[in-house]
Amino acid sequence: MKITDSKSLGSALRKRRKELGYTQRDLSEFTGLSISFLSDLERGKKTIELEKALFVTSILGLNLTLEARS
């Protein structure tokens, strides 16, 4: 999936969380992050902390890579 903005990242994370059968509460308990943070992240809030977003991405078993455009 191509990530072009905070909304597409949030959508991808929500999709993956649901594929794994986790609720936001489950993810909150496992990561120590608040449900409100996770909700904001999945809704594509633009001011989310990058380090936390990368942590959630990793916890959900996703890789985030950058590549040069041709």
C-alpha atoms as a PDB file:
ATOM      1  CA  MET A   1       0.000   0.000   0.000  1.00  0.00           C
ATOM      2  CA  LYS A   2       1.292   3.416  -0.896  1.00  0.00           C
ATOM      3  CA  ILE A   3       1.273   5.835   2.046  1.00  0.00           C
ATOM      4  CA  THR A   4       0.834   9.410   0.876  1.00  0.00           C
ATOM      5  CA  ASP A   5      -0.383  11.199   4.008  1.00  0.00           C
ATOM      6  CA  SER A   6      -1.331  10.728   7.650  1.00  0.00           C
ATOM      7  CA  LYS A   7      -4.825   9.500   6.718  1.00  0.00           C
ATOM      8  CA  SER A   8      -3.517   6.707   4.511  1.00  0.00           C
ATOM      9  CA  LEU A   9      -1.070   5.639   7.227  1.00  0.00           C
ATOM     10  CA  GLY A  10      -3.851   5.633   9.811  1.00  0.00           C
ATOM     11  CA  SER A  11      -6.126   3.660   7.534  1.00  0.00           C
ATOM     12  CA  ALA A  12      -3.420   1.059   6.887  1.00  0.00           C
ATOM     13  CA  LEU A  13      -2.737   0.684  10.605  1.00  0.00           C
ATOM     14  CA  ARG A  14      -6.458   0.334  11.415  1.00  0.00           C
ATOM     15  CA  LYS A  15      -6.853  -2.297   8.686  1.00  0.00           C
ATOM     16  CA  ARG A  16      -3.900  -4.306   9.975  1.00  0.00           C
ATOM     17  CA  ARG A  17      -5.060  -4.058  13.612  1.00  0.00           C
ATOM     18  CA  LYS A  18      -8.459  -5.417  12.630  1.00  0.00           C
ATOM     19  CA  GLU A  19      -6.896  -8.181  10.496  1.00  0.00           C
ATOM     20  CA  LEU A  20      -5.055  -9.309  13.625  1.00  0.00           C
ATOM     21  CA  GLY A  21      -8.269  -9.204  15.647  1.00  0.00           C
ATOM     22  CA  TYR A  22      -7.074  -6.533  18.082  1.00  0.00           C
ATOM     23  CA  THR A  23      -9.185  -3.780  19.549  1.00  0.00           C
ATOM     24  CA  GLN A  24      -7.720  -0.381  20.273  1.00  0.00           C
ATOM     25  CA  ARG A  25      -7.957  -1.345  23.956  1.00  0.00           C
ATOM     26  CA  ASP A  26      -5.888  -4.493  23.319  1.00  0.00           C
ATOM     27  CA  LEU A  27      -3.257  -2.478  21.491  1.00  0.00           C
ATOM     28  CA  SER A  28      -3.283   0.179  24.199  1.00  0.00           C
ATOM     29  CA  GLU A  29      -2.707  -2.391  26.935  1.00  0.00           C
ATOM     30  CA  PHE A  30       0.084  -4.073  24.980  1.00  0.00           C
ATOM     31  CA  THR A  31       1.929  -0.900  23.969  1.00  0.00           C
ATOM     32  CA  GLY A  32       1.215   1.396  26.908  1.00  0.00           C
ATOM     33  CA  LEU A  33      -0.105   4.027  24.519  1.00  0.00           C
ATOM     34  CA  SER A  34      -3.467   5.624  25.230  1.00  0.00           C
ATOM     35  CA  ILE A  35      -6.586   4.668  23.335  1.00  0.00           C
ATOM     36  CA  SER A  36      -7.029   8.325  22.416  1.00  0.00           C
ATOM     37  CA  PHE A  37      -3.552   8.369  20.819  1.00  0.00           C
ATOM     38  CA  LEU A  38      -4.319   5.210  18.845  1.00  0.00           C
ATOM     39  CA  SER A  39      -7.653   6.642  17.751  1.00  0.00           C
ATOM     40  CA  ASP A  40      -5.989   9.878  16.617  1.00  0.00           C
ATOM     41  CA  LEU A  41      -3.341   7.884  14.756  1.00  0.00           C
ATOM     42  CA  GLU A  42      -5.916   5.773  12.933  1.00  0.00           C
ATOM     43  CA  ARG A  43      -7.953   8.855  12.010  1.00  0.00           C
ATOM     44  CA  GLY A  44      -4.877  10.442  10.461  1.00  0.00           C
ATOM     45  CA  LYS A  45      -4.281  13.284  12.906  1.00  0.00           C
ATOM     46  CA  LYS A  46      -1.420  15.288  11.421  1.00  0.00           C
ATOM     47  CA  THR A  47       0.392  16.065  14.678  1.00  0.00           C
ATOM     48  CA  ILE A  48       0.977  12.481  15.827  1.00  0.00           C
ATOM     49  CA  GLU A  49       4.422  11.746  17.268  1.00  0.00           C
ATOM     50  CA  LEU A  50       6.444   9.970  14.608  1.00  0.00           C
ATOM     51  CA  GLU A  51       8.321   7.699  17.007  1.00  0.00           C
ATOM     52  CA  LYS A  52       5.075   6.379  18.495  1.00  0.00           C
ATOM     53  CA  ALA A  53       3.565   5.882  15.040  1.00  0.00           C
ATOM     54  CA  LEU A  54       6.622   3.893  13.968  1.00  0.00           C
ATOM     55  CA  PHE A  55       6.378   1.831  17.167  1.00  0.00           C
ATOM     56  CA  VAL A  56       2.741   0.934  16.456  1.00  0.00           C
ATOM     57  CA  THR A  57       3.647   0.111  12.852  1.00  0.00           C
ATOM     58  CA  SER A  58       6.293  -2.316  14.068  1.00  0.00           C
ATOM     59  CA  ILE A  59       4.086  -3.866  16.763  1.00  0.00           C
ATOM     60  CA  LEU A  60       1.463  -4.609  14.104  1.00  0.00           C
ATOM     61  CA  GLY A  61       4.094  -6.463  12.079  1.00  0.00           C
ATOM     62  CA  LEU A  62       4.356  -3.906   9.300  1.00  0.00           C
ATOM     63  CA  ASN A  63       7.462  -2.475   7.648  1.00  0.00           C
ATOM     64  CA  LEU A  64       7.633   1.139   6.618  1.00  0.00           C
ATOM     65  CA  THR A  65      10.144   1.803   3.876  1.00  0.00           C
ATOM     66  CA  LEU A  66      11.167   4.840   1.866  1.00  0.00           C
ATOM     67  CA  GLU A  67      12.245   4.669  -1.722  1.00  0.00           C
ATOM     68  CA  ALA A  68      13.304   7.275  -4.216  1.00  0.00           C
ATOM     69  CA  ARG A  69      10.795   8.155  -6.901  1.00  0.00           C
ATOM     70  CA  SER A  70      11.985   7.499 -10.394  1.00  0.00           C
END
